[in-house]
Amino acid sequence: MHRKPYVHPTAYIAPTATLVGSVVVEEEASIWFGCVLRAEEAPIVVGPRTNVQDLTVIHTDPGQPCRLGAGVTVGHRAVLHGATVEDGALIGIGAIVLNGAVVGEEAMVGAGAVVTENVVIPPRTLALGIPAKVVRMLHEQDLARLRLAADWYVQEARAYQEEKNDERDGRSP
């Protein structure tokens, strides 16, 4: 399966990020500094406008792909292993999501939480702890913050991309 990564021209990949194997990074997505995405055994798909923040590791097992939907935010130093994260969800800093787990649309997994194998976190809920358990439904203000985080990273990635283009073209930032 060791295909080469595909990165959409509007996506941003930080210079210290590593993509190996069948990794697809869709439009306006961003993979930040120190991230490692390894898809030797099954594909990894990073959906449009999704951000994978610094030092995150995404990996797969045979038959266990990893799919991140549109507008997902993956916090710093998270680990996603053969999991599905649906549109608009947020994975908190240092959280772990294991094989077969599904984080529902616009759900939030708190910092440091561990979503164990094959667990489903329902849409628009907050899950905390080890193992992660749903503690409440998300309110509209929570959902608005999720959307803002994803939008902010799209803008930040554009700024980095423009700076890189300026340097390539010999212009000072």
Protein backbone atom coordinates (compact mmCIF):
# COMPACT_ATOMS: atom_id res chain seq x y z
CA MET A 1 0.00 0.00 0.00
CA HIS A 2 2.97 2.41 0.25
CA ARG A 3 1.54 5.07 -2.07
CA LYS A 4 2.94 8.58 -2.01
CA PRO A 5 1.12 11.34 -0.14
CA TYR A 6 -1.18 13.68 -2.06
CA VAL A 7 -1.40 17.28 -0.85
CA HIS A 8 -3.94 19.67 -2.38
CA PRO A 9 -2.27 22.86 -3.69
CA THR A 10 -4.19 25.03 -1.19
CA ALA A 11 -3.18 22.91 1.82
CA TYR A 12 -0.30 23.92 4.09
CA ILE A 13 2.31 21.41 5.28
CA ALA A 14 4.85 22.79 7.78
CA PRO A 15 8.46 22.13 6.77
CA THR A 16 9.06 19.80 9.74
CA ALA A 17 5.91 17.70 9.24
CA THR A 18 6.35 14.16 7.88
CA LEU A 19 3.81 12.41 5.62
CA VAL A 20 4.47 8.78 4.66
CA GLY A 21 2.41 6.43 2.50
CA SER A 22 -1.21 6.82 1.47
CA VAL A 23 -1.90 10.23 3.04
CA VAL A 24 -4.40 12.60 1.40
CA VAL A 25 -4.52 16.23 2.58
CA GLU A 26 -7.52 18.05 1.10
CA GLU A 27 -8.08 21.73 0.27
CA GLU A 28 -7.20 24.39 2.84
CA ALA A 29 -6.18 21.76 5.40
CA SER A 30 -3.03 22.31 7.45
CA ILE A 31 -0.48 19.98 9.01
CA TRP A 32 1.71 21.85 11.51
CA PHE A 33 5.25 21.59 12.85
CA GLY A 34 6.55 18.21 13.98
CA CYS A 35 3.47 16.20 12.96
CA VAL A 36 3.92 12.64 11.72
CA LEU A 37 1.25 11.04 9.49
CA ARG A 38 2.14 7.42 8.62
CA ALA A 39 -0.17 5.47 6.33
CA GLU A 40 1.79 2.40 5.28
CA GLU A 41 -0.99 -0.04 6.23
CA ALA A 42 -4.23 1.86 5.48
CA PRO A 43 -5.03 5.37 4.20
CA ILE A 44 -5.15 8.62 6.15
CA VAL A 45 -7.49 11.32 4.81
CA VAL A 46 -7.36 14.85 6.22
CA GLY A 47 -10.52 16.65 5.11
CA PRO A 48 -10.90 20.19 3.82
CA ARG A 49 -10.25 23.06 6.26
CA THR A 50 -9.01 20.60 8.90
CA ASN A 51 -6.00 21.48 11.04
CA VAL A 52 -3.60 19.00 12.63
CA GLN A 53 -1.56 20.90 15.20
CA ASP A 54 2.07 20.61 16.25
CA LEU A 55 3.55 17.25 17.30
CA THR A 56 0.43 15.20 16.52
CA VAL A 57 0.88 11.59 15.40
CA ILE A 58 -1.63 9.94 13.06
CA HIS A 59 -1.09 6.26 12.22
CA THR A 60 -3.03 3.31 10.82
CA ASP A 61 -3.13 -0.47 11.12
CA PRO A 62 -4.13 -2.96 8.41
CA GLY A 63 -7.87 -2.48 7.84
CA GLN A 64 -7.93 0.52 10.21
CA PRO A 65 -7.78 3.73 8.14
CA CYS A 66 -7.86 7.15 9.76
CA ARG A 67 -10.30 9.73 8.40
CA LEU A 68 -10.66 13.33 9.54
CA GLY A 69 -13.71 15.10 8.13
CA ALA A 70 -14.08 18.74 7.12
CA GLY A 71 -13.29 21.54 9.55
CA VAL A 72 -11.79 19.28 12.22
CA THR A 73 -9.35 20.66 14.79
CA VAL A 74 -6.74 18.27 16.21
CA GLY A 75 -4.92 19.85 19.16
CA HIS A 76 -1.19 19.77 19.81
CA ARG A 77 0.45 16.43 20.62
CA ALA A 78 -2.68 14.35 20.01
CA VAL A 79 -2.47 10.73 18.83
CA LEU A 80 -5.02 9.36 16.36
CA HIS A 81 -4.67 5.68 15.52
CA GLY A 82 -7.03 4.11 12.99
CA ALA A 83 -9.91 6.37 14.04
CA THR A 84 -12.63 8.45 12.39
CA VAL A 85 -13.21 12.07 13.38
CA GLU A 86 -16.31 13.52 11.76
CA ASP A 87 -16.91 17.04 10.41
CA GLY A 88 -16.37 19.96 12.77
CA ALA A 89 -15.14 17.90 15.73
CA LEU A 90 -12.30 18.95 18.03
CA ILE A 91 -9.67 16.65 19.54
CA GLY A 92 -8.10 18.35 22.56
CA ILE A 93 -4.42 18.81 23.31
CA GLY A 94 -2.73 15.51 24.15
CA ALA A 95 -5.88 13.43 23.57
CA ILE A 96 -5.64 9.88 22.20
CA VAL A 97 -8.23 8.29 19.88
CA LEU A 98 -7.68 4.58 19.16
CA ASN A 99 -8.53 2.04 16.43
CA GLY A 100 -12.14 1.90 15.32
CA ALA A 101 -13.23 4.81 17.51
CA VAL A 102 -15.56 7.41 16.00
CA VAL A 103 -15.77 11.00 17.21
CA GLY A 104 -19.11 12.34 15.97
CA GLU A 105 -19.86 15.52 14.09
CA GLU A 106 -19.07 18.67 16.10
CA ALA A 107 -18.14 16.59 19.16
CA MET A 108 -15.30 17.60 21.46
CA VAL A 109 -12.77 15.27 23.10
CA GLY A 110 -11.14 17.10 26.00
CA ALA A 111 -7.42 17.59 26.55
CA GLY A 112 -5.68 14.41 27.68
CA ALA A 113 -8.74 12.20 27.20
CA VAL A 114 -8.40 8.66 25.81
CA VAL A 115 -11.10 7.38 23.46
CA THR A 116 -10.57 3.61 23.57
CA GLU A 117 -10.97 1.17 20.67
CA ASN A 118 -14.35 1.03 18.92
CA VAL A 119 -15.97 3.64 21.18
CA VAL A 120 -18.38 6.10 19.54
CA ILE A 121 -18.56 9.66 20.88
CA PRO A 122 -21.97 10.98 19.74
CA PRO A 123 -22.32 14.22 17.75
CA ARG A 124 -22.27 17.54 19.64
CA THR A 125 -21.14 16.04 22.95
CA LEU A 126 -18.17 16.67 25.23
CA ALA A 127 -16.13 13.61 26.24
CA LEU A 128 -13.54 13.77 29.04
CA GLY A 129 -11.32 11.42 31.01
CA ILE A 130 -9.51 8.10 30.79
CA PRO A 131 -11.34 6.30 29.36
CA ALA A 132 -13.27 9.13 27.71
CA LYS A 133 -16.92 9.38 28.77
CA VAL A 134 -19.58 11.78 27.53
CA VAL A 135 -20.21 14.39 30.23
CA ARG A 136 -22.69 16.69 28.48
CA MET A 137 -24.16 17.96 25.24
CA LEU A 138 -22.38 20.93 23.66
CA HIS A 139 -24.15 24.29 23.70
CA GLU A 140 -24.37 26.63 20.73
CA GLN A 141 -21.55 28.79 22.16
CA ASP A 142 -19.32 25.68 22.32
CA LEU A 143 -20.11 24.86 18.70
CA ALA A 144 -19.33 28.44 17.66
CA ARG A 145 -15.89 28.12 19.31
CA LEU A 146 -15.22 24.90 17.40
CA ARG A 147 -15.98 26.66 14.12
CA LEU A 148 -13.81 29.65 15.06
CA ALA A 149 -10.83 27.40 15.83
CA ALA A 150 -11.05 25.73 12.42
CA ASP A 151 -11.48 29.07 10.63
CA TRP A 152 -8.54 30.62 12.50
CA TYR A 153 -6.20 27.83 11.39
CA VAL A 154 -7.29 28.21 7.75
CA GLN A 155 -6.29 31.89 7.96
CA GLU A 156 -3.04 31.11 9.76
CA ALA A 157 -2.12 28.52 7.13
CA ARG A 158 -2.79 31.05 4.36
CA ALA A 159 -0.45 33.53 6.06
CA TYR A 160 2.32 30.90 6.31
CA GLN A 161 1.76 29.90 2.68
CA GLU A 162 1.98 33.53 1.52
CA GLU A 163 5.17 34.05 3.51
CA LYS A 164 6.67 30.92 1.95
CA ASN A 165 5.67 32.15 -1.53
CA ASP A 166 7.21 35.57 -0.83
CA GLU A 167 10.49 33.94 0.24
CA ARG A 168 10.49 31.71 -2.85
CA ASP A 169 9.90 34.76 -5.07
CA GLY A 170 12.68 36.73 -3.34
CA ARG A 171 10.40 39.18 -1.55
CA SER A 172 10.78 40.04 2.12
CA PRO A 173 7.80 39.33 4.37
